PDB file of all heavy atoms in Angstrom:
ATOM      1  N   LEU A   1       0.030 -90.201   8.599  1.00  0.00           N
ATOM      2  CA  LEU A   1      -0.347 -90.990   7.497  1.00  0.00           C
ATOM      3  C   LEU A   1      -0.698 -90.135   6.346  1.00  0.00           C
ATOM      4  O   LEU A   1      -0.323 -90.436   5.262  1.00  0.00           O
ATOM      5  CB  LEU A   1      -1.644 -91.886   7.822  1.00  0.00           C
ATOM      6  CG  LEU A   1      -2.159 -92.735   6.736  1.00  0.00           C
ATOM      7  CD1 LEU A   1      -1.094 -93.776   6.345  1.00  0.00           C
ATOM      8  CD2 LEU A   1      -3.409 -93.474   7.211  1.00  0.00           C
ATOM      9  N   SER A   2      -1.327 -88.973   6.564  1.00  0.00           N
ATOM     10  CA  SER A   2      -1.584 -88.017   5.592  1.00  0.00           C
ATOM     11  C   SER A   2      -0.290 -87.445   4.958  1.00  0.00           C
ATOM     12  O   SER A   2      -0.213 -87.360   3.706  1.00  0.00           O
ATOM     13  CB  SER A   2      -2.408 -86.821   6.128  1.00  0.00           C
ATOM     14  OG  SER A   2      -2.604 -85.830   5.178  1.00  0.00           O
ATOM     15  N   THR A   3       0.724 -87.282   5.747  1.00  0.00           N
ATOM     16  CA  THR A   3       1.966 -86.776   5.240  1.00  0.00           C
ATOM     17  C   THR A   3       2.778 -87.781   4.430  1.00  0.00           C
ATOM     18  O   THR A   3       3.342 -87.523   3.435  1.00  0.00           O
ATOM     19  CB  THR A   3       2.909 -86.318   6.443  1.00  0.00           C
ATOM     20  OG1 THR A   3       2.139 -85.395   7.192  1.00  0.00           O
ATOM     21  CG2 THR A   3       4.169 -85.716   5.927  1.00  0.00           C
ATOM     22  N   LEU A   4       2.696 -89.079   4.968  1.00  0.00           N
ATOM     23  CA  LEU A   4       3.506 -90.172   4.356  1.00  0.00           C
ATOM     24  C   LEU A   4       2.843 -90.927   3.204  1.00  0.00           C
ATOM     25  O   LEU A   4       3.536 -91.584   2.496  1.00  0.00           O
ATOM     26  CB  LEU A   4       3.880 -91.159   5.445  1.00  0.00           C
ATOM     27  CG  LEU A   4       4.768 -90.601   6.578  1.00  0.00           C
ATOM     28  CD1 LEU A   4       4.783 -91.700   7.673  1.00  0.00           C
ATOM     29  CD2 LEU A   4       6.100 -90.192   6.057  1.00  0.00           C
ATOM     30  N   SER A   5       1.504 -90.787   3.072  1.00  0.00           N
ATOM     31  CA  SER A   5       0.832 -91.577   2.119  1.00  0.00           C
ATOM     32  C   SER A   5       1.300 -91.344   0.700  1.00  0.00           C
ATOM     33  O   SER A   5       1.389 -92.248  -0.095  1.00  0.00           O
ATOM     34  CB  SER A   5      -0.751 -91.318   2.188  1.00  0.00           C
ATOM     35  OG  SER A   5      -0.977 -89.948   1.991  1.00  0.00           O
ATOM     36  N   ALA A   6       1.617 -90.058   0.366  1.00  0.00           N
ATOM     37  CA  ALA A   6       2.083 -89.773  -0.971  1.00  0.00           C
ATOM     38  C   ALA A   6       3.476 -90.531  -1.206  1.00  0.00           C
ATOM     39  O   ALA A   6       3.655 -91.114  -2.262  1.00  0.00           O
ATOM     40  CB  ALA A   6       2.329 -88.270  -1.133  1.00  0.00           C
ATOM     41  N   HIS A   7       4.343 -90.422  -0.233  1.00  0.00           N
ATOM     42  CA  HIS A   7       5.682 -91.130  -0.355  1.00  0.00           C
ATOM     43  C   HIS A   7       5.463 -92.640  -0.484  1.00  0.00           C
ATOM     44  O   HIS A   7       6.147 -93.216  -1.272  1.00  0.00           O
ATOM     45  CB  HIS A   7       6.475 -90.825   0.914  1.00  0.00           C
ATOM     46  CG  HIS A   7       6.928 -89.403   0.971  1.00  0.00           C
ATOM     47  ND1 HIS A   7       8.106 -89.009   0.568  1.00  0.00           N
ATOM     48  CD2 HIS A   7       6.367 -88.324   1.599  1.00  0.00           C
ATOM     49  CE1 HIS A   7       8.246 -87.643   0.815  1.00  0.00           C
ATOM     50  NE2 HIS A   7       7.195 -87.266   1.409  1.00  0.00           N
ATOM     51  N   ILE A   8       4.524 -93.196   0.279  1.00  0.00           N
ATOM     52  CA  ILE A   8       4.424 -94.656   0.205  1.00  0.00           C
ATOM     53  C   ILE A   8       3.807 -95.023  -1.061  1.00  0.00           C
ATOM     54  O   ILE A   8       4.242 -96.069  -1.758  1.00  0.00           O
ATOM     55  CB  ILE A   8       3.484 -95.101   1.387  1.00  0.00           C
ATOM     56  CG1 ILE A   8       4.130 -94.877   2.735  1.00  0.00           C
ATOM     57  CG2 ILE A   8       3.127 -96.629   1.200  1.00  0.00           C
ATOM     58  CD1 ILE A   8       3.227 -95.097   3.982  1.00  0.00           C
ATOM     59  N   THR A   9       2.903 -94.279  -1.637  1.00  0.00           N
ATOM     60  CA  THR A   9       2.331 -94.521  -2.956  1.00  0.00           C
ATOM     61  C   THR A   9       3.405 -94.545  -4.050  1.00  0.00           C
ATOM     62  O   THR A   9       3.433 -95.438  -4.911  1.00  0.00           O
ATOM     63  CB  THR A   9       1.252 -93.572  -3.258  1.00  0.00           C
ATOM     64  OG1 THR A   9       0.236 -93.461  -2.159  1.00  0.00           O
ATOM     65  CG2 THR A   9       0.529 -93.929  -4.588  1.00  0.00           C
ATOM     66  N   VAL A  10       4.255 -93.541  -3.998  1.00  0.00           N
ATOM     67  CA  VAL A  10       5.306 -93.445  -4.998  1.00  0.00           C
ATOM     68  C   VAL A  10       6.251 -94.604  -4.864  1.00  0.00           C
ATOM     69  O   VAL A  10       6.700 -95.169  -5.925  1.00  0.00           O
ATOM     70  CB  VAL A  10       6.088 -92.129  -4.853  1.00  0.00           C
ATOM     71  CG1 VAL A  10       7.375 -92.076  -5.592  1.00  0.00           C
ATOM     72  CG2 VAL A  10       5.204 -90.909  -5.240  1.00  0.00           C
ATOM     73  N   VAL A  11       6.638 -95.016  -3.723  1.00  0.00           N
ATOM     74  CA  VAL A  11       7.462 -96.189  -3.457  1.00  0.00           C
ATOM     75  C   VAL A  11       6.889 -97.421  -4.087  1.00  0.00           C
ATOM     76  O   VAL A  11       7.612 -98.180  -4.791  1.00  0.00           O
ATOM     77  CB  VAL A  11       7.751 -96.364  -1.950  1.00  0.00           C
ATOM     78  CG1 VAL A  11       8.425 -97.688  -1.630  1.00  0.00           C
ATOM     79  CG2 VAL A  11       8.640 -95.215  -1.423  1.00  0.00           C
ATOM     80  N   VAL A  12       5.639 -97.653  -3.886  1.00  0.00           N
ATOM     81  CA  VAL A  12       4.965 -98.866  -4.415  1.00  0.00           C
ATOM     82  C   VAL A  12       4.948 -98.884  -5.921  1.00  0.00           C
ATOM     83  O   VAL A  12       5.224 -99.819  -6.581  1.00  0.00           O
ATOM     84  CB  VAL A  12       3.485 -99.055  -3.817  1.00  0.00           C
ATOM     85  CG1 VAL A  12       2.792-100.167  -4.592  1.00  0.00           C
ATOM     86  CG2 VAL A  12       3.592 -99.274  -2.352  1.00  0.00           C
ATOM     87  N   PHE A  13       4.600 -97.697  -6.459  1.00  0.00           N
ATOM     88  CA  PHE A  13       4.536 -97.531  -7.920  1.00  0.00           C
ATOM     89  C   PHE A  13       5.926 -97.825  -8.601  1.00  0.00           C
ATOM     90  O   PHE A  13       6.061 -98.442  -9.620  1.00  0.00           O
ATOM     91  CB  PHE A  13       4.061 -96.189  -8.365  1.00  0.00           C
ATOM     92  CG  PHE A  13       2.611 -96.009  -8.428  1.00  0.00           C
ATOM     93  CD1 PHE A  13       1.898 -94.947  -7.816  1.00  0.00           C
ATOM     94  CD2 PHE A  13       1.872 -96.905  -9.121  1.00  0.00           C
ATOM     95  CE1 PHE A  13       0.446 -94.862  -7.932  1.00  0.00           C
ATOM     96  CE2 PHE A  13       0.504 -96.854  -9.300  1.00  0.00           C
ATOM     97  CZ  PHE A  13      -0.188 -95.791  -8.687  1.00  0.00           C
ATOM     98  N   PHE A  14       6.979 -97.266  -7.892  1.00  0.00           N
ATOM     99  CA  PHE A  14       8.356 -97.412  -8.438  1.00  0.00           C
ATOM    100  C   PHE A  14       8.920 -98.749  -8.310  1.00  0.00           C
ATOM    101  O   PHE A  14       9.511 -99.349  -9.257  1.00  0.00           O
ATOM    102  CB  PHE A  14       9.208 -96.369  -7.818  1.00  0.00           C
ATOM    103  CG  PHE A  14      10.648 -96.361  -8.284  1.00  0.00           C
ATOM    104  CD1 PHE A  14      11.035 -95.839  -9.521  1.00  0.00           C
ATOM    105  CD2 PHE A  14      11.681 -97.082  -7.557  1.00  0.00           C
ATOM    106  CE1 PHE A  14      12.356 -95.900  -9.956  1.00  0.00           C
ATOM    107  CE2 PHE A  14      12.955 -97.154  -8.069  1.00  0.00           C
ATOM    108  CZ  PHE A  14      13.324 -96.576  -9.194  1.00  0.00           C
ATOM    109  N   PHE A  15       8.764 -99.421  -7.171  1.00  0.00           N
ATOM    110  CA  PHE A  15       9.477-100.583  -6.936  1.00  0.00           C
ATOM    111  C   PHE A  15       8.706-101.869  -7.356  1.00  0.00           C
ATOM    112  O   PHE A  15       9.345-102.906  -7.656  1.00  0.00           O
ATOM    113  CB  PHE A  15       9.766-100.766  -5.398  1.00  0.00           C
ATOM    114  CG  PHE A  15      11.003 -99.868  -5.026  1.00  0.00           C
ATOM    115  CD1 PHE A  15      10.766 -98.679  -4.418  1.00  0.00           C
ATOM    116  CD2 PHE A  15      12.278-100.358  -5.091  1.00  0.00           C
ATOM    117  CE1 PHE A  15      11.848 -97.872  -3.985  1.00  0.00           C
ATOM    118  CE2 PHE A  15      13.289 -99.562  -4.794  1.00  0.00           C
ATOM    119  CZ  PHE A  15      13.120 -98.310  -4.206  1.00  0.00           C
ATOM    120  N   GLY A  16       7.402-101.785  -7.430  1.00  0.00           N
ATOM    121  CA  GLY A  16       6.643-102.966  -7.883  1.00  0.00           C
ATOM    122  C   GLY A  16       7.114-103.534  -9.159  1.00  0.00           C
ATOM    123  O   GLY A  16       7.495-104.745  -9.269  1.00  0.00           O
ATOM    124  N   PRO A  17       7.098-102.716 -10.238  1.00  0.00           N
ATOM    125  CA  PRO A  17       7.562-103.206 -11.562  1.00  0.00           C
ATOM    126  C   PRO A  17       9.024-103.649 -11.557  1.00  0.00           C
ATOM    127  O   PRO A  17       9.403-104.649 -12.105  1.00  0.00           O
ATOM    128  CB  PRO A  17       7.343-102.092 -12.494  1.00  0.00           C
ATOM    129  CG  PRO A  17       6.293-101.262 -11.837  1.00  0.00           C
ATOM    130  CD  PRO A  17       6.487-101.390 -10.412  1.00  0.00           C
ATOM    131  N   CYS A  18       9.923-102.904 -10.793  1.00  0.00           N
ATOM    132  CA  CYS A  18      11.294-103.175 -10.785  1.00  0.00           C
ATOM    133  C   CYS A  18      11.542-104.636 -10.169  1.00  0.00           C
ATOM    134  O   CYS A  18      12.362-105.433 -10.725  1.00  0.00           O
ATOM    135  CB  CYS A  18      12.073-102.198  -9.886  1.00  0.00           C
ATOM    136  SG  CYS A  18      12.329-100.595 -10.701  1.00  0.00           S
ATOM    137  N   ILE A  19      10.923-104.908  -9.118  1.00  0.00           N
ATOM    138  CA  ILE A  19      11.024-106.184  -8.414  1.00  0.00           C
ATOM    139  C   ILE A  19      10.584-107.268  -9.313  1.00  0.00           C
ATOM    140  O   ILE A  19      11.281-108.335  -9.425  1.00  0.00           O
ATOM    141  CB  ILE A  19      10.246-106.255  -7.024  1.00  0.00           C
ATOM    142  CG1 ILE A  19      10.882-105.193  -6.068  1.00  0.00           C
ATOM    143  CG2 ILE A  19      10.273-107.640  -6.457  1.00  0.00           C
ATOM    144  CD1 ILE A  19      10.165-104.986  -4.755  1.00  0.00           C
ATOM    145  N   ILE A  20       9.465-107.150  -9.907  1.00  0.00           N
ATOM    146  CA  ILE A  20       8.925-108.227 -10.838  1.00  0.00           C
ATOM    147  C   ILE A  20       9.849-108.452 -12.009  1.00  0.00           C
ATOM    148  O   ILE A  20      10.120-109.558 -12.387  1.00  0.00           O
ATOM    149  CB  ILE A  20       7.495-107.891 -11.331  1.00  0.00           C
ATOM    150  CG1 ILE A  20       6.615-107.876 -10.120  1.00  0.00           C
ATOM    151  CG2 ILE A  20       6.897-108.936 -12.273  1.00  0.00           C
ATOM    152  CD1 ILE A  20       5.149-107.404 -10.366  1.00  0.00           C
ATOM    153  N   VAL A  21      10.286-107.425 -12.650  1.00  0.00           N
ATOM    154  CA  VAL A  21      11.128-107.468 -13.851  1.00  0.00           C
ATOM    155  C   VAL A  21      12.488-108.191 -13.599  1.00  0.00           C
ATOM    156  O   VAL A  21      12.925-109.041 -14.302  1.00  0.00           O
ATOM    157  CB  VAL A  21      11.408-106.101 -14.470  1.00  0.00           C
ATOM    158  CG1 VAL A  21      12.504-106.168 -15.551  1.00  0.00           C
ATOM    159  CG2 VAL A  21      10.064-105.555 -15.100  1.00  0.00           C
ATOM    160  N   TYR A  22      13.150-107.843 -12.405  1.00  0.00           N
ATOM    161  CA  TYR A  22      14.442-108.288 -12.153  1.00  0.00           C
ATOM    162  C   TYR A  22      14.558-109.549 -11.332  1.00  0.00           C
ATOM    163  O   TYR A  22      15.574-110.150 -11.160  1.00  0.00           O
ATOM    164  CB  TYR A  22      15.294-107.165 -11.589  1.00  0.00           C
ATOM    165  CG  TYR A  22      15.516-106.062 -12.559  1.00  0.00           C
ATOM    166  CD1 TYR A  22      14.943-104.827 -12.467  1.00  0.00           C
ATOM    167  CD2 TYR A  22      16.452-106.262 -13.623  1.00  0.00           C
ATOM    168  CE1 TYR A  22      15.126-103.845 -13.388  1.00  0.00           C
ATOM    169  CE2 TYR A  22      16.678-105.311 -14.559  1.00  0.00           C
ATOM    170  CZ  TYR A  22      16.052-104.051 -14.416  1.00  0.00           C
ATOM    171  OH  TYR A  22      16.213-103.112 -15.390  1.00  0.00           O
ATOM    172  N   VAL A  23      13.464-109.868 -10.598  1.00  0.00           N
ATOM    173  CA  VAL A  23      13.449-111.083  -9.697  1.00  0.00           C
ATOM    174  C   VAL A  23      12.608-112.074 -10.219  1.00  0.00           C
ATOM    175  O   VAL A  23      12.734-113.291  -9.931  1.00  0.00           O
ATOM    176  CB  VAL A  23      12.954-110.691  -8.307  1.00  0.00           C
ATOM    177  CG1 VAL A  23      13.137-111.909  -7.329  1.00  0.00           C
ATOM    178  CG2 VAL A  23      13.830-109.543  -7.727  1.00  0.00           C
ATOM    179  N   TRP A  24      11.725-111.804 -11.231  1.00  0.00           N
ATOM    180  CA  TRP A  24      10.821-112.833 -11.846  1.00  0.00           C
ATOM    181  C   TRP A  24      11.588-113.943 -12.464  1.00  0.00           C
ATOM    182  O   TRP A  24      12.535-113.672 -13.178  1.00  0.00           O
ATOM    183  CB  TRP A  24       9.934-112.100 -12.925  1.00  0.00           C
ATOM    184  CG  TRP A  24       8.850-112.925 -13.383  1.00  0.00           C
ATOM    185  CD1 TRP A  24       8.708-113.597 -14.622  1.00  0.00           C
ATOM    186  CD2 TRP A  24       7.585-113.110 -12.781  1.00  0.00           C
ATOM    187  NE1 TRP A  24       7.497-114.142 -14.730  1.00  0.00           N
ATOM    188  CE2 TRP A  24       6.787-113.956 -13.582  1.00  0.00           C
ATOM    189  CE3 TRP A  24       7.123-112.731 -11.518  1.00  0.00           C
ATOM    190  CZ2 TRP A  24       5.472-114.330 -13.252  1.00  0.00           C
ATOM    191  CZ3 TRP A  24       5.824-113.147 -11.176  1.00  0.00           C
ATOM    192  CH2 TRP A  24       5.051-113.926 -12.012  1.00  0.00           C
ATOM    193  N   PRO A  25      11.253-115.191 -12.250  1.00  0.00           N
ATOM    194  CA  PRO A  25      12.053-116.281 -12.674  1.00  0.00           C
ATOM    195  C   PRO A  25      12.056-116.503 -14.148  1.00  0.00           C
ATOM    196  O   PRO A  25      12.866-117.290 -14.623  1.00  0.00           O
ATOM    197  CB  PRO A  25      11.478-117.528 -11.921  1.00  0.00           C
ATOM    198  CG  PRO A  25      10.052-117.092 -11.548  1.00  0.00           C
ATOM    199  CD  PRO A  25      10.121-115.645 -11.341  1.00  0.00           C
ATOM    200  N   PHE A  26      11.138-115.887 -14.910  1.00  0.00           N
ATOM    201  CA  PHE A  26      11.122-116.033 -16.377  1.00  0.00           C
ATOM    202  C   PHE A  26      11.258-114.655 -16.997  1.00  0.00           C
ATOM    203  O   PHE A  26      10.261-114.020 -17.381  1.00  0.00           O
ATOM    204  CB  PHE A  26       9.831-116.694 -16.783  1.00  0.00           C
ATOM    205  CG  PHE A  26       9.611-118.024 -16.037  1.00  0.00           C
ATOM    206  CD1 PHE A  26       8.635-118.036 -15.093  1.00  0.00           C
ATOM    207  CD2 PHE A  26      10.279-119.105 -16.492  1.00  0.00           C
ATOM    208  CE1 PHE A  26       8.452-119.297 -14.399  1.00  0.00           C
ATOM    209  CE2 PHE A  26      10.005-120.355 -15.861  1.00  0.00           C
ATOM    210  CZ  PHE A  26       9.160-120.496 -14.804  1.00  0.00           C
ATOM    211  N   PRO A  27      12.453-114.084 -17.009  1.00  0.00           N
ATOM    212  CA  PRO A  27      12.719-112.665 -17.431  1.00  0.00           C
ATOM    213  C   PRO A  27      12.320-112.354 -18.877  1.00  0.00           C
ATOM    214  O   PRO A  27      12.508-111.235 -19.345  1.00  0.00           O
ATOM    215  CB  PRO A  27      14.144-112.517 -17.152  1.00  0.00           C
ATOM    216  CG  PRO A  27      14.776-113.810 -17.306  1.00  0.00           C
ATOM    217  CD  PRO A  27      13.698-114.758 -16.815  1.00  0.00           C
ATOM    218  N   THR A  28      11.857-113.360 -19.746  1.00  0.00           N
ATOM    219  CA  THR A  28      11.579-113.020 -21.123  1.00  0.00           C
ATOM    220  C   THR A  28      10.072-113.088 -21.407  1.00  0.00           C
ATOM    221  O   THR A  28       9.649-113.084 -22.466  1.00  0.00           O
ATOM    222  CB  THR A  28      12.289-113.999 -22.044  1.00  0.00           C
ATOM    223  OG1 THR A  28      11.971-115.362 -21.617  1.00  0.00           O
ATOM    224  CG2 THR A  28      13.840-113.929 -21.928  1.00  0.00           C
ATOM    225  N   LEU A  29       9.246-113.143 -20.323  1.00  0.00           N
ATOM    226  CA  LEU A  29       7.887-113.152 -20.577  1.00  0.00           C
ATOM    227  C   LEU A  29       7.440-111.675 -21.013  1.00  0.00           C
ATOM    228  O   LEU A  29       7.979-110.721 -20.606  1.00  0.00           O
ATOM    229  CB  LEU A  29       7.170-113.468 -19.231  1.00  0.00           C
ATOM    230  CG  LEU A  29       7.124-114.951 -18.836  1.00  0.00           C
ATOM    231  CD1 LEU A  29       6.410-115.080 -17.523  1.00  0.00           C
ATOM    232  CD2 LEU A  29       6.535-115.843 -19.922  1.00  0.00           C
ATOM    233  N   PRO A  30       6.365-111.646 -21.876  1.00  0.00           N
ATOM    234  CA  PRO A  30       5.864-110.360 -22.426  1.00  0.00           C
ATOM    235  C   PRO A  30       5.419-109.414 -21.273  1.00  0.00           C
ATOM    236  O   PRO A  30       5.414-108.243 -21.554  1.00  0.00           O
ATOM    237  CB  PRO A  30       4.680-110.825 -23.217  1.00  0.00           C
ATOM    238  CG  PRO A  30       4.924-112.185 -23.574  1.00  0.00           C
ATOM    239  CD  PRO A  30       5.604-112.813 -22.444  1.00  0.00           C
ATOM    240  N   ILE A  31       5.117-109.889 -20.040  1.00  0.00           N
ATOM    241  CA  ILE A  31       4.713-108.958 -19.021  1.00  0.00           C
ATOM    242  C   ILE A  31       5.853-107.877 -18.756  1.00  0.00           C
ATOM    243  O   ILE A  31       5.470-106.825 -18.280  1.00  0.00           O
ATOM    244  CB  ILE A  31       4.337-109.726 -17.757  1.00  0.00           C
ATOM    245  CG1 ILE A  31       3.659-108.855 -16.719  1.00  0.00           C
ATOM    246  CG2 ILE A  31       5.610-110.409 -17.162  1.00  0.00           C
ATOM    247  CD1 ILE A  31       3.154-109.608 -15.486  1.00  0.00           C
ATOM    248  N   ASP A  32       7.065-108.293 -19.000  1.00  0.00           N
ATOM    249  CA  ASP A  32       8.166-107.384 -18.731  1.00  0.00           C
ATOM    250  C   ASP A  32       7.997-106.089 -19.494  1.00  0.00           C
ATOM    251  O   ASP A  32       8.244-104.997 -18.952  1.00  0.00           O
ATOM    252  CB  ASP A  32       9.475-107.969 -19.165  1.00  0.00           C
ATOM    253  CG  ASP A  32      10.042-109.024 -18.217  1.00  0.00           C
ATOM    254  OD1 ASP A  32       9.251-109.402 -17.312  1.00  0.00           O
ATOM    255  OD2 ASP A  32      11.166-109.410 -18.295  1.00  0.00           O
TER     256      ASP A  32
END
């Protein structure tokens, strides 16, 4: 867990916004 925690954190930071921006049903909201 100590070894992988950095990788998992980076994955969440990178993919979280990507998923919301491109899968969000209202792609023109200011949150983008």
